[in-house]
Amino acid sequence: FAADVFGVLTTIRYSKNTIETICKSLDNLNLCCAFISTPSLYFSVSPSVRKASKVFDFDTQWQHDPGYVHYDFNDPLNVPSDLHHTFDVAVIDPPFVTRDAWEKYSQTVRLLLKPHGKIVLTTLAENAPMMLELLNVRPTAFKPSIPHLVYQYDLYTNFDDVVFSVPNPEIPE
């Protein structure tokens, strides 16, 4: 558990190193990000990236943050119209890894991203063909560490990034 900026205890899904690595890439990009179901990353990026970004989440514990946007993936197109096609990067970590969930998240991503926007997401390796089909993303060398999870996720992007080209030392080969 970790305390967010409001002192609310939240479960951190990723290891500290994984959060730092993903945030390093996002901070290097220094672009406007849509953090979709990824509050731990939103609250961990640099202040400049966070100020330019939004966190889309169902959990209303974040509602006092100026970047919070209530989001229900079961209603994927229900996001404020003034945010349509305004983000340079979408960062996604859904609570479910099914095709149905990813189809809904993909609709949201396409609605929020600018043309040629960048995508960073995590999901199962077995989802690689579906991720390529839905969002044109491919797995990177870096794999996220998610303590206490019984299966391994991959990190996918639609762009090359030197930060993600290095394997995570926390994950055995």
Protein backbone atom coordinates (compact mmCIF):
# COMPACT_ATOMS: atom_id res chain seq x y z
CA PHE A 1 0.00 0.00 0.00
CA ALA A 2 1.05 3.60 -0.53
CA ALA A 3 -0.49 6.92 0.40
CA ASP A 4 -1.50 9.17 -2.48
CA VAL A 5 -1.30 12.95 -2.36
CA PHE A 6 -4.55 13.11 -0.38
CA GLY A 7 -3.37 10.59 2.21
CA VAL A 8 -5.75 7.91 0.97
CA LEU A 9 -4.34 4.39 1.14
CA THR A 10 -4.39 2.68 -2.20
CA THR A 11 -3.18 -0.63 -3.52
CA ILE A 12 -0.14 -0.22 -5.73
CA ARG A 13 -0.30 -2.83 -8.44
CA TYR A 14 3.19 -2.44 -9.92
CA SER A 15 6.56 -2.75 -8.19
CA LYS A 16 8.40 0.47 -7.35
CA ASN A 17 10.94 -0.19 -10.13
CA THR A 18 8.17 -0.76 -12.68
CA ILE A 19 6.44 2.49 -11.72
CA GLU A 20 9.73 4.37 -11.92
CA THR A 21 10.58 2.89 -15.34
CA ILE A 22 7.19 3.61 -16.91
CA CYS A 23 7.17 7.11 -15.42
CA LYS A 24 10.72 7.75 -16.69
CA SER A 25 9.51 7.04 -20.22
CA LEU A 26 6.43 9.25 -19.79
CA ASP A 27 8.47 12.04 -18.20
CA ASN A 28 10.97 11.86 -21.09
CA LEU A 29 8.11 12.22 -23.56
CA ASN A 30 6.81 15.21 -21.54
CA LEU A 31 3.42 15.07 -23.27
CA CYS A 32 -0.24 15.25 -22.30
CA CYS A 33 -1.28 11.78 -21.10
CA ALA A 34 -4.61 10.09 -20.55
CA PHE A 35 -4.09 7.66 -17.66
CA ILE A 36 -6.95 5.20 -18.10
CA SER A 37 -7.44 3.00 -15.03
CA THR A 38 -3.84 3.73 -13.99
CA PRO A 39 -3.95 6.04 -10.95
CA SER A 40 -0.67 4.74 -9.51
CA LEU A 41 1.15 5.94 -12.63
CA TYR A 42 -0.74 9.23 -12.83
CA PHE A 43 0.19 10.07 -9.24
CA SER A 44 3.84 9.07 -9.86
CA VAL A 45 4.77 11.05 -12.98
CA SER A 46 6.56 14.39 -12.77
CA PRO A 47 4.47 17.39 -11.70
CA SER A 48 4.68 18.91 -15.21
CA VAL A 49 3.34 15.77 -16.93
CA ARG A 50 0.69 15.28 -14.28
CA LYS A 51 -0.50 18.89 -14.58
CA ALA A 52 -0.98 18.44 -18.34
CA SER A 53 -2.70 15.06 -17.97
CA LYS A 54 -5.91 13.43 -16.73
CA VAL A 55 -6.65 10.24 -14.82
CA PHE A 56 -9.74 8.37 -16.01
CA ASP A 57 -10.92 6.06 -13.25
CA PHE A 58 -14.07 4.60 -11.74
CA ASP A 59 -12.84 5.05 -8.15
CA THR A 60 -14.17 8.36 -6.81
CA GLN A 61 -11.49 8.56 -4.13
CA TRP A 62 -9.51 10.60 -6.70
CA GLN A 63 -12.34 13.06 -7.40
CA HIS A 64 -10.66 15.91 -5.51
CA ASP A 65 -7.67 15.86 -7.83
CA PRO A 66 -8.03 18.47 -10.62
CA GLY A 67 -7.03 15.87 -13.22
CA TYR A 68 -9.67 13.31 -12.23
CA VAL A 69 -12.31 12.27 -14.77
CA HIS A 70 -14.90 9.69 -13.74
CA TYR A 71 -14.69 6.76 -16.15
CA ASP A 72 -16.66 3.55 -16.47
CA PHE A 73 -15.21 1.23 -19.11
CA ASN A 74 -18.69 -0.25 -19.60
CA ASP A 75 -19.65 3.12 -21.09
CA PRO A 76 -16.48 3.68 -23.14
CA LEU A 77 -17.62 6.71 -25.14
CA ASN A 78 -18.93 8.61 -22.14
CA VAL A 79 -16.03 11.01 -21.68
CA PRO A 80 -16.29 14.80 -21.80
CA SER A 81 -16.37 15.98 -25.42
CA ASP A 82 -13.82 18.71 -24.72
CA LEU A 83 -11.27 15.92 -24.09
CA HIS A 84 -11.85 14.11 -27.39
CA HIS A 85 -8.64 13.83 -29.45
CA THR A 86 -6.64 16.00 -27.02
CA PHE A 87 -4.09 13.52 -25.62
CA ASP A 88 -0.65 12.69 -26.99
CA VAL A 89 -0.33 9.47 -24.98
CA ALA A 90 -2.77 6.92 -23.57
CA VAL A 91 -1.59 4.77 -20.64
CA ILE A 92 -3.91 1.83 -19.94
CA ASP A 93 -4.10 -0.94 -17.33
CA PRO A 94 -7.64 -2.35 -17.22
CA PRO A 95 -8.86 -4.37 -14.27
CA PHE A 96 -9.86 -7.15 -16.70
CA VAL A 97 -7.89 -8.76 -19.54
CA THR A 98 -10.79 -10.13 -21.59
CA ARG A 99 -11.48 -9.24 -25.22
CA ASP A 100 -14.74 -7.56 -24.23
CA ALA A 101 -12.94 -5.24 -21.79
CA TRP A 102 -10.14 -4.46 -24.25
CA GLU A 103 -12.62 -3.63 -27.02
CA LYS A 104 -14.24 -1.07 -24.73
CA TYR A 105 -10.92 0.42 -23.63
CA SER A 106 -9.85 0.59 -27.28
CA GLN A 107 -12.91 2.70 -28.09
CA THR A 108 -11.98 5.12 -25.32
CA VAL A 109 -8.36 5.29 -26.46
CA ARG A 110 -9.36 6.09 -30.05
CA LEU A 111 -11.69 8.80 -28.77
CA LEU A 112 -9.10 10.46 -26.51
CA LEU A 113 -5.90 10.25 -28.57
CA LYS A 114 -4.75 12.78 -31.13
CA PRO A 115 -3.89 11.33 -34.55
CA HIS A 116 -0.67 9.28 -34.30
CA GLY A 117 -0.89 9.28 -30.50
CA LYS A 118 1.32 7.02 -28.44
CA ILE A 119 0.01 4.06 -26.43
CA VAL A 120 1.49 2.34 -23.37
CA LEU A 121 -0.42 -0.57 -21.85
CA THR A 122 0.02 -3.73 -19.83
CA THR A 123 -1.72 -7.05 -20.29
CA LEU A 124 -1.02 -10.75 -20.66
CA ALA A 125 1.45 -12.04 -23.26
CA GLU A 126 -1.36 -14.23 -24.61
CA ASN A 127 -3.20 -11.04 -25.59
CA ALA A 128 -0.47 -9.97 -28.06
CA PRO A 129 -2.44 -10.83 -31.24
CA MET A 130 -5.53 -9.06 -29.87
CA MET A 131 -3.50 -5.99 -28.82
CA LEU A 132 -1.98 -5.77 -32.29
CA GLU A 133 -5.43 -6.03 -33.84
CA LEU A 134 -7.21 -3.56 -31.55
CA LEU A 135 -4.54 -0.93 -30.88
CA ASN A 136 -1.57 -1.77 -33.12
CA VAL A 137 0.76 -2.22 -30.14
CA ARG A 138 3.55 -4.75 -29.65
CA PRO A 139 5.28 -6.12 -26.55
CA THR A 140 8.51 -4.46 -25.42
CA ALA A 141 11.60 -5.99 -23.82
CA PHE A 142 10.60 -4.42 -20.51
CA LYS A 143 8.06 -6.49 -18.59
CA PRO A 144 6.28 -4.97 -15.60
CA SER A 145 6.72 -6.52 -12.19
CA ILE A 146 3.41 -6.94 -10.42
CA PRO A 147 4.09 -8.51 -7.03
CA HIS A 148 1.64 -11.15 -5.84
CA LEU A 149 0.21 -11.67 -9.33
CA VAL A 150 0.39 -15.32 -10.37
CA TYR A 151 0.89 -14.63 -14.08
CA GLN A 152 3.27 -12.31 -15.93
CA TYR A 153 2.14 -9.25 -17.86
CA ASP A 154 3.90 -7.67 -20.83
CA LEU A 155 4.23 -3.97 -21.55
CA TYR A 156 3.05 -2.94 -25.03
CA THR A 157 3.61 0.24 -27.04
CA ASN A 158 3.02 1.52 -30.55
CA PHE A 159 6.39 3.35 -30.58
CA ASP A 160 10.03 2.54 -29.91
CA ASP A 161 11.40 3.74 -26.59
CA VAL A 162 14.93 3.21 -25.30
CA VAL A 163 13.58 2.98 -21.72
CA PHE A 164 11.40 0.00 -22.64
CA SER A 165 14.13 -1.69 -24.73
CA VAL A 166 15.88 -2.93 -21.58
CA PRO A 167 14.53 -6.02 -19.79
CA ASN A 168 13.31 -5.53 -16.23
CA PRO A 169 15.92 -7.03 -13.85
CA GLU A 170 13.06 -8.01 -11.50
CA ILE A 171 11.72 -10.53 -14.04
CA PRO A 172 13.74 -13.73 -14.49
CA GLU A 173 14.51 -14.71 -18.08
